[in-house]
Structures are given as structure tokens and as C-alpha cells.
Amino acid sequence: MKPTYDEIKRLFGDLNDHMIAEIEAGGATMSELQEVAAYLAQENEPMGEPRPQLAGRSLAVFELVRRLDARWEEDR
């Protein structure tokens, strides 16, 4: 089942409609989106161990969201 607009907003916060549409079009599952959200929040980092690497659709969503963060940082 595809994640809904509201679920994506809940996970990633203030994304514009274009970004959400890109995430939806990428076909990531809810599990993959949750993995990215945890990665962004650094919640999946075991103590003293490197974080697992993202791949595939998870990596694509991560890069998309990070691009938005980078643009926001530039605007400050």
C-alpha cells in the first residue's frame, strides 16, 4: 500500500506539494519512508556502531529531502 500524502507530511514535516509528489512517484513503501525518517533523525544509530547505509528507494528519498534541507540552509 502506498503511503498517503498525510503520512508523508507526518514523517517529513514541512515539504511542499511538489516534493511530496516526487516521493509518491518514487514508489517508496511506508517502511522505506520510516527508515529514511529515522535515519534523518539519527534514531537508528546503534551505540558505537556505524549507521547502516541507505540504498534504492530509501536513498532516493533521503537525497530528495536533504536537497530541501540544503536549500533551506542557504536561504538563512
Protein backbone atom coordinates (compact mmCIF):
# COMPACT_ATOMS: atom_id res chain seq x y z
CA MET A 1 0.00 0.00 0.00
CA LYS A 2 1.33 3.42 -0.99
CA PRO A 3 1.96 5.98 1.73
CA THR A 4 -0.58 8.79 1.68
CA TYR A 5 0.09 12.49 1.38
CA ASP A 6 -0.72 12.91 5.08
CA GLU A 7 1.60 10.09 6.13
CA ILE A 8 4.47 11.62 4.18
CA LYS A 9 3.77 15.04 5.74
CA ARG A 10 3.71 13.46 9.20
CA LEU A 11 7.07 11.76 8.65
CA PHE A 12 8.97 14.61 7.00
CA GLY A 13 7.19 17.75 8.11
CA ASP A 14 7.19 20.87 6.01
CA LEU A 15 7.64 19.51 2.49
CA ASN A 16 5.96 21.29 -0.37
CA ASP A 17 3.43 19.52 -2.58
CA HIS A 18 5.98 19.09 -5.39
CA MET A 19 8.40 17.23 -3.10
CA ILE A 20 5.61 15.02 -1.77
CA ALA A 21 4.57 14.23 -5.34
CA GLU A 22 8.18 13.25 -6.14
CA ILE A 23 8.28 10.95 -3.11
CA GLU A 24 4.96 9.39 -4.10
CA ALA A 25 6.14 8.90 -7.69
CA GLY A 26 9.31 7.16 -6.46
CA GLY A 27 7.23 4.25 -5.17
CA ALA A 28 8.83 4.01 -1.72
CA THR A 29 6.93 1.93 0.80
CA MET A 30 5.90 3.21 4.22
CA SER A 31 8.64 1.07 5.75
CA GLU A 32 11.25 2.68 3.49
CA LEU A 33 9.97 6.15 4.35
CA GLN A 34 10.10 5.35 8.06
CA GLU A 35 13.68 4.14 7.61
CA VAL A 36 14.60 7.46 5.98
CA ALA A 37 12.84 9.48 8.70
CA ALA A 38 14.71 7.54 11.39
CA TYR A 39 17.97 7.98 9.51
CA LEU A 40 17.39 11.72 9.27
CA ALA A 41 16.62 11.84 12.99
CA GLN A 42 19.69 9.64 13.66
CA GLU A 43 17.49 7.28 15.66
CA ASN A 44 18.79 4.11 14.04
CA GLU A 45 22.41 4.58 15.07
CA PRO A 46 23.39 1.79 17.48
CA MET A 47 25.73 2.94 20.22
CA GLY A 48 29.28 2.93 18.93
CA GLU A 49 28.36 1.29 15.62
CA PRO A 50 28.17 2.89 12.19
CA ARG A 51 24.71 3.55 10.79
CA PRO A 52 23.50 1.15 8.12
CA GLN A 53 23.69 2.56 4.61
CA LEU A 54 20.54 3.52 2.76
CA ALA A 55 20.01 2.09 -0.70
CA GLY A 56 17.49 2.08 -3.53
CA ARG A 57 14.27 3.99 -2.97
CA SER A 58 15.25 4.86 0.61
CA LEU A 59 18.41 6.54 -0.61
CA ALA A 60 16.49 8.42 -3.31
CA VAL A 61 14.02 9.81 -0.75
CA PHE A 62 16.87 10.70 1.62
CA GLU A 63 18.67 12.65 -1.12
CA LEU A 64 15.47 14.45 -2.08
CA VAL A 65 14.76 15.56 1.48
CA ARG A 66 18.41 16.54 2.06
CA ARG A 67 18.29 18.75 -1.07
CA LEU A 68 15.41 20.62 0.52
CA ASP A 69 17.37 20.98 3.77
CA ALA A 70 20.37 22.32 1.86
CA ARG A 71 18.22 24.92 0.09
CA TRP A 72 16.70 25.96 3.40
CA GLU A 73 20.16 26.37 4.95
CA GLU A 74 21.26 28.54 2.01
CA ASP A 75 18.27 30.83 2.50
CA ARG A 76 19.13 31.60 6.11
